[in-house]
C-alpha atoms as a PDB file:
ATOM      1  CA  MET A   1      -8.806  -8.887   0.326  1.00  0.00           C
ATOM      2  CA  THR A   2     -10.249  -5.877  -1.462  1.00  0.00           C
ATOM      3  CA  SER A   3     -10.467  -5.874  -5.240  1.00  0.00           C
ATOM      4  CA  GLU A   4      -7.784  -3.164  -5.406  1.00  0.00           C
ATOM      5  CA  ALA A   5      -5.437  -5.230  -3.240  1.00  0.00           C
ATOM      6  CA  ARG A   6      -6.116  -8.347  -5.347  1.00  0.00           C
ATOM      7  CA  ILE A   7      -5.312  -6.413  -8.539  1.00  0.00           C
ATOM      8  CA  ALA A   8      -2.048  -5.110  -7.039  1.00  0.00           C
ATOM      9  CA  TYR A   9      -1.141  -8.607  -5.784  1.00  0.00           C
ATOM     10  CA  ASN A  10      -1.776 -10.156  -9.213  1.00  0.00           C
ATOM     11  CA  SER A  11       0.083  -7.324 -10.928  1.00  0.00           C
ATOM     12  CA  VAL A  12       3.202  -7.986  -8.841  1.00  0.00           C
ATOM     13  CA  LEU A  13       3.037 -11.756  -9.408  1.00  0.00           C
ATOM     14  CA  ASN A  14       2.677 -11.188 -13.152  1.00  0.00           C
ATOM     15  CA  LEU A  15       5.747  -8.963 -13.501  1.00  0.00           C
ATOM     16  CA  PRO A  16       7.902 -10.833 -16.054  1.00  0.00           C
ATOM     17  CA  PRO A  17      10.861 -11.776 -13.795  1.00  0.00           C
ATOM     18  CA  ILE A  18       8.557 -12.880 -10.978  1.00  0.00           C
ATOM     19  CA  ALA A  19       6.192 -14.804 -13.281  1.00  0.00           C
ATOM     20  CA  ARG A  20       9.144 -16.575 -14.953  1.00  0.00           C
ATOM     21  CA  THR A  21      10.664 -17.464 -11.562  1.00  0.00           C
ATOM     22  CA  ARG A  22       7.322 -18.839 -10.317  1.00  0.00           C
ATOM     23  CA  ARG A  23       6.924 -21.000 -13.458  1.00  0.00           C
ATOM     24  CA  ASN A  24      10.530 -22.222 -13.229  1.00  0.00           C
ATOM     25  CA  HIS A  25      10.028 -22.963  -9.534  1.00  0.00           C
ATOM     26  CA  GLY A  26       6.939 -25.052 -10.323  1.00  0.00           C
ATOM     27  CA  PHE A  27       8.766 -26.820 -13.165  1.00  0.00           C
ATOM     28  CA  GLU A  28      11.710 -27.510 -10.821  1.00  0.00           C
ATOM     29  CA  HIS A  29       9.370 -29.035  -8.218  1.00  0.00           C
ATOM     30  CA  ALA A  30       7.656 -31.220 -10.815  1.00  0.00           C
ATOM     31  CA  THR A  31      11.038 -32.446 -12.029  1.00  0.00           C
ATOM     32  CA  LEU A  32      12.177 -33.225  -8.467  1.00  0.00           C
ATOM     33  CA  HIS A  33       8.888 -35.065  -7.759  1.00  0.00           C
ATOM     34  CA  ILE A  34       9.414 -37.286 -10.803  1.00  0.00           C
ATOM     35  CA  LEU A  35      13.076 -37.983 -10.043  1.00  0.00           C
ATOM     36  CA  SER A  36      12.191 -38.817  -6.425  1.00  0.00           C
ATOM     37  CA  ARG A  37       9.372 -41.153  -7.396  1.00  0.00           C
ATOM     38  CA  ARG A  38      11.679 -43.039  -9.746  1.00  0.00           C
ATOM     39  CA  ASN A  39      14.315 -43.388  -7.020  1.00  0.00           C
ATOM     40  CA  PRO A  40      12.943 -42.676  -3.500  1.00  0.00           C
ATOM     41  CA  SER A  41      16.372 -42.851  -1.856  1.00  0.00           C
ATOM     42  CA  LEU A  42      17.714 -39.895  -3.866  1.00  0.00           C
ATOM     43  CA  ARG A  43      18.687 -36.734  -2.033  1.00  0.00           C
ATOM     44  CA  LEU A  44      17.903 -33.838  -4.333  1.00  0.00           C
ATOM     45  CA  ALA A  45      17.866 -30.063  -4.191  1.00  0.00           C
ATOM     46  CA  GLY A  46      16.864 -27.318  -6.547  1.00  0.00           C
ATOM     47  CA  HIS A  47      16.966 -23.557  -6.969  1.00  0.00           C
ATOM     48  CA  SER A  48      14.982 -21.419  -9.404  1.00  0.00           C
ATOM     49  CA  ASP A  49      15.387 -17.997 -10.976  1.00  0.00           C
ATOM     50  CA  PRO A  50      13.929 -16.162 -13.995  1.00  0.00           C
ATOM     51  CA  GLY A  51      16.253 -17.937 -16.459  1.00  0.00           C
ATOM     52  CA  GLY A  52      15.658 -21.504 -15.298  1.00  0.00           C
ATOM     53  CA  PHE A  53      16.607 -23.683 -12.379  1.00  0.00           C
ATOM     54  CA  TRP A  54      19.175 -26.059 -10.910  1.00  0.00           C
ATOM     55  CA  VAL A  55      18.742 -29.754 -10.175  1.00  0.00           C
ATOM     56  CA  ILE A  56      21.380 -30.898  -7.705  1.00  0.00           C
ATOM     57  CA  GLY A  57      21.864 -34.535  -6.749  1.00  0.00           C
ATOM     58  CA  ASP A  58      23.302 -37.897  -7.665  1.00  0.00           C
ATOM     59  CA  VAL A  59      21.449 -38.280 -10.979  1.00  0.00           C
ATOM     60  CA  SER A  60      22.566 -38.575 -14.579  1.00  0.00           C
ATOM     61  CA  LEU A  61      21.939 -36.204 -17.459  1.00  0.00           C
ATOM     62  CA  GLU A  62      19.668 -38.827 -19.048  1.00  0.00           C
ATOM     63  CA  GLU A  63      17.582 -39.099 -15.857  1.00  0.00           C
ATOM     64  CA  VAL A  64      17.227 -35.320 -15.653  1.00  0.00           C
ATOM     65  CA  GLN A  65      16.237 -35.067 -19.333  1.00  0.00           C
ATOM     66  CA  ALA A  66      13.602 -37.796 -18.967  1.00  0.00           C
ATOM     67  CA  ALA A  67      12.198 -36.169 -15.799  1.00  0.00           C
ATOM     68  CA  LEU A  68      12.099 -32.745 -17.480  1.00  0.00           C
ATOM     69  CA  ASN A  69      10.188 -34.151 -20.445  1.00  0.00           C
ATOM     70  CA  GLU A  70       7.678 -35.925 -18.211  1.00  0.00           C
ATOM     71  CA  ALA A  71       7.286 -32.871 -15.960  1.00  0.00           C
ATOM     72  CA  LEU A  72       6.566 -30.619 -18.949  1.00  0.00           C
ATOM     73  CA  GLN A  73       4.069 -33.069 -20.359  1.00  0.00           C
ATOM     74  CA  ARG A  74       2.249 -33.574 -17.059  1.00  0.00           C
ATOM     75  CA  LEU A  75       2.159 -29.873 -16.155  1.00  0.00           C
ATOM     76  CA  HIS A  76       0.800 -29.026 -19.616  1.00  0.00           C
ATOM     77  CA  ALA A  77      -1.813 -31.781 -19.074  1.00  0.00           C
ATOM     78  CA  GLY A  78      -3.033 -29.938 -15.972  1.00  0.00           C
ATOM     79  CA  GLU A  79      -1.226 -31.713 -13.109  1.00  0.00           C
ATOM     80  CA  SER A  80      -0.451 -28.414 -11.370  1.00  0.00           C
ATOM     81  CA  ASN A  81      -0.177 -30.251  -8.020  1.00  0.00           C
ATOM     82  CA  LEU A  82       3.333 -31.279  -9.149  1.00  0.00           C
ATOM     83  CA  ALA A  83       4.399 -27.632  -8.768  1.00  0.00           C
ATOM     84  CA  VAL A  84       4.093 -27.832  -4.968  1.00  0.00           C
ATOM     85  CA  HIS A  85       6.742 -29.758  -3.034  1.00  0.00           C
ATOM     86  CA  PRO A  86       6.748 -30.666   0.689  1.00  0.00           C
ATOM     87  CA  ASN A  87      10.468 -29.864   1.075  1.00  0.00           C
ATOM     88  CA  CYS A  88      10.324 -26.431  -0.539  1.00  0.00           C
ATOM     89  CA  GLY A  89      12.186 -23.621   1.170  1.00  0.00           C
ATOM     90  CA  THR A  90       8.918 -21.661   1.165  1.00  0.00           C
ATOM     91  CA  ASN A  91       7.604 -24.095   3.791  1.00  0.00           C
ATOM     92  CA  TYR A  92      10.671 -23.620   5.973  1.00  0.00           C
ATOM     93  CA  VAL A  93      10.625 -19.835   5.672  1.00  0.00           C
ATOM     94  CA  THR A  94       6.902 -19.739   6.466  1.00  0.00           C
ATOM     95  CA  SER A  95       7.497 -21.917   9.543  1.00  0.00           C
ATOM     96  CA  GLY A  96      10.458 -19.839  10.694  1.00  0.00           C
ATOM     97  CA  VAL A  97       8.681 -16.514  10.297  1.00  0.00           C
ATOM     98  CA  LEU A  98       5.522 -17.656  12.094  1.00  0.00           C
ATOM     99  CA  ALA A  99       7.398 -19.350  14.949  1.00  0.00           C
ATOM    100  CA  SER A 100       9.668 -16.318  15.412  1.00  0.00           C
ATOM    101  CA  MET A 101       6.739 -13.910  15.424  1.00  0.00           C
ATOM    102  CA  ALA A 102       4.844 -16.080  17.927  1.00  0.00           C
ATOM    103  CA  ALA A 103       7.828 -16.332  20.266  1.00  0.00           C
ATOM    104  CA  LEU A 104       8.463 -12.598  19.998  1.00  0.00           C
ATOM    105  CA  ALA A 105       4.803 -11.852  20.749  1.00  0.00           C
ATOM    106  CA  ALA A 106       4.964 -14.113  23.810  1.00  0.00           C
ATOM    107  CA  MET A 107       7.989 -12.265  25.130  1.00  0.00           C
ATOM    108  CA  PHE A 108       6.540  -8.788  24.484  1.00  0.00           C
ATOM    109  CA  GLY A 109       6.091  -6.929  27.757  1.00  0.00           C
ATOM    110  CA  ALA A 110       7.919  -9.583  29.773  1.00  0.00           C
ATOM    111  CA  GLY A 111       9.813  -6.984  31.755  1.00  0.00           C
ATOM    112  CA  ARG A 112      13.476  -6.134  31.911  1.00  0.00           C
ATOM    113  CA  ARG A 113      14.647  -8.711  34.430  1.00  0.00           C
ATOM    114  CA  PHE A 114      15.955 -12.059  33.216  1.00  0.00           C
ATOM    115  CA  GLN A 115      13.619 -13.876  35.622  1.00  0.00           C
ATOM    116  CA  ASP A 116      10.580 -12.149  34.061  1.00  0.00           C
ATOM    117  CA  LYS A 117      11.646 -13.352  30.633  1.00  0.00           C
ATOM    118  CA  LEU A 118      12.339 -16.844  31.953  1.00  0.00           C
ATOM    119  CA  TRP A 119       8.783 -17.099  33.300  1.00  0.00           C
ATOM    120  CA  ARG A 120       7.475 -16.307  29.817  1.00  0.00           C
ATOM    121  CA  LEU A 121       9.578 -18.978  28.109  1.00  0.00           C
ATOM    122  CA  PRO A 122       6.986 -21.820  28.357  1.00  0.00           C
ATOM    123  CA  PHE A 123       4.395 -19.488  26.833  1.00  0.00           C
ATOM    124  CA  ALA A 124       6.808 -18.569  24.003  1.00  0.00           C
ATOM    125  CA  VAL A 125       7.549 -22.250  23.309  1.00  0.00           C
ATOM    126  CA  THR A 126       3.822 -23.071  23.271  1.00  0.00           C
ATOM    127  CA  LEU A 127       3.006 -20.234  20.867  1.00  0.00           C
ATOM    128  CA  ALA A 128       5.958 -21.096  18.622  1.00  0.00           C
ATOM    129  CA  THR A 129       4.831 -24.739  18.523  1.00  0.00           C
ATOM    130  CA  LEU A 130       1.282 -23.740  17.610  1.00  0.00           C
ATOM    131  CA  ALA A 131       2.689 -21.480  14.905  1.00  0.00           C
ATOM    132  CA  LEU A 132       4.732 -24.386  13.502  1.00  0.00           C
ATOM    133  CA  ILE A 133       1.602 -26.542  13.377  1.00  0.00           C
ATOM    134  CA  ALA A 134      -0.334 -23.774  11.621  1.00  0.00           C
ATOM    135  CA  SER A 135       2.533 -23.187   9.201  1.00  0.00           C
ATOM    136  CA  GLN A 136       2.233 -26.657   7.629  1.00  0.00           C
ATOM    137  CA  PRO A 137      -0.864 -25.951   5.537  1.00  0.00           C
ATOM    138  CA  LEU A 138       0.039 -22.274   5.243  1.00  0.00           C
ATOM    139  CA  GLY A 139       3.447 -23.014   3.651  1.00  0.00           C
ATOM    140  CA  ARG A 140       1.736 -25.142   1.006  1.00  0.00           C
ATOM    141  CA  LEU A 141      -0.787 -22.379   0.368  1.00  0.00           C
ATOM    142  CA  VAL A 142       1.987 -19.796   0.004  1.00  0.00           C
ATOM    143  CA  GLN A 143       3.673 -22.076  -2.549  1.00  0.00           C
ATOM    144  CA  GLU A 144       0.435 -22.559  -4.507  1.00  0.00           C
ATOM    145  CA  ARG A 145      -0.495 -18.878  -4.565  1.00  0.00           C
ATOM    146  CA  VAL A 146       2.802 -16.991  -4.417  1.00  0.00           C
ATOM    147  CA  THR A 147       6.110 -18.770  -5.005  1.00  0.00           C
ATOM    148  CA  THR A 148       5.265 -21.379  -7.662  1.00  0.00           C
ATOM    149  CA  SER A 149       3.068 -21.788 -10.715  1.00  0.00           C
ATOM    150  CA  GLY A 150       2.023 -25.007 -12.393  1.00  0.00           C
ATOM    151  CA  GLU A 151       0.920 -23.171 -15.522  1.00  0.00           C
ATOM    152  CA  LEU A 152       3.954 -23.057 -17.778  1.00  0.00           C
ATOM    153  CA  ASP A 153       2.319 -21.424 -20.799  1.00  0.00           C
ATOM    154  CA  THR A 154       4.821 -21.725 -23.662  1.00  0.00           C
ATOM    155  CA  MET A 155       7.822 -22.583 -21.509  1.00  0.00           C
ATOM    156  CA  ARG A 156      10.417 -24.901 -22.991  1.00  0.00           C
ATOM    157  CA  VAL A 157      13.864 -26.149 -22.075  1.00  0.00           C
ATOM    158  CA  VAL A 158      16.562 -24.517 -24.199  1.00  0.00           C
ATOM    159  CA  LYS A 159      19.664 -26.004 -22.587  1.00  0.00           C
ATOM    160  CA  ILE A 160      20.796 -28.379 -19.868  1.00  0.00           C
ATOM    161  CA  SER A 161      24.308 -27.687 -18.604  1.00  0.00           C
ATOM    162  CA  PRO A 162      25.788 -30.427 -16.396  1.00  0.00           C
ATOM    163  CA  SER A 163      28.486 -29.585 -13.846  1.00  0.00           C
ATOM    164  CA  ARG A 164      29.872 -30.801 -10.527  1.00  0.00           C
ATOM    165  CA  ARG A 165      29.488 -29.163  -7.116  1.00  0.00           C
ATOM    166  CA  GLY A 166      32.183 -30.953  -5.173  1.00  0.00           C
ATOM    167  CA  LYS A 167      31.169 -34.603  -5.340  1.00  0.00           C
ATOM    168  CA  VAL A 168      27.595 -33.876  -6.442  1.00  0.00           C
ATOM    169  CA  ASN A 169      26.144 -33.533  -9.925  1.00  0.00           C
ATOM    170  CA  ALA A 170      24.437 -30.266 -10.739  1.00  0.00           C
ATOM    171  CA  PHE A 171      22.384 -29.466 -13.821  1.00  0.00           C
ATOM    172  CA  ARG A 172      21.518 -25.947 -14.910  1.00  0.00           C
ATOM    173  CA  VAL A 173      18.219 -26.098 -16.797  1.00  0.00           C
ATOM    174  CA  SER A 174      17.784 -22.977 -18.916  1.00  0.00           C
ATOM    175  CA  THR A 175      14.216 -22.218 -19.954  1.00  0.00           C
ATOM    176  CA  GLN A 176      12.461 -19.852 -22.300  1.00  0.00           C
ATOM    177  CA  SER A 177       8.839 -18.761 -22.489  1.00  0.00           C
END
């Protein structure tokens, strides 16, 4: 990457709404890591935006508060690895994009007849599979460098708003930097 491209890339990532979303996304992941380690059978989800994030799952307000406190403390202590999560949507999107592009590339120039396309199908499946394998480390890298940040700066929790989503607890965590 040229120095000009790197400057533009960093400038975009440091735009206030994007930077806040990346920090909230990292904070969300750290919180989910801690909740999951305390209770490995939990099924949790999260969603981040510039104003904070959601924690969705069968947990209590007290559990969420304790996990938030620990996540803040550990991220401020330099445990930025907590900001990356194996079940992040970034991983799935990266996998989907790469597999789709590989399959499309395999089918390019296959001809107009259905039989021509059918003969290319094993090649498309092979390329898509290789793309899925390659996407595993790439999705993590995209999280680390683009969609999350483990450096929270002066971020703090200003409010936790519990609610229900059907039969599931949901907690809106509002943050401020």
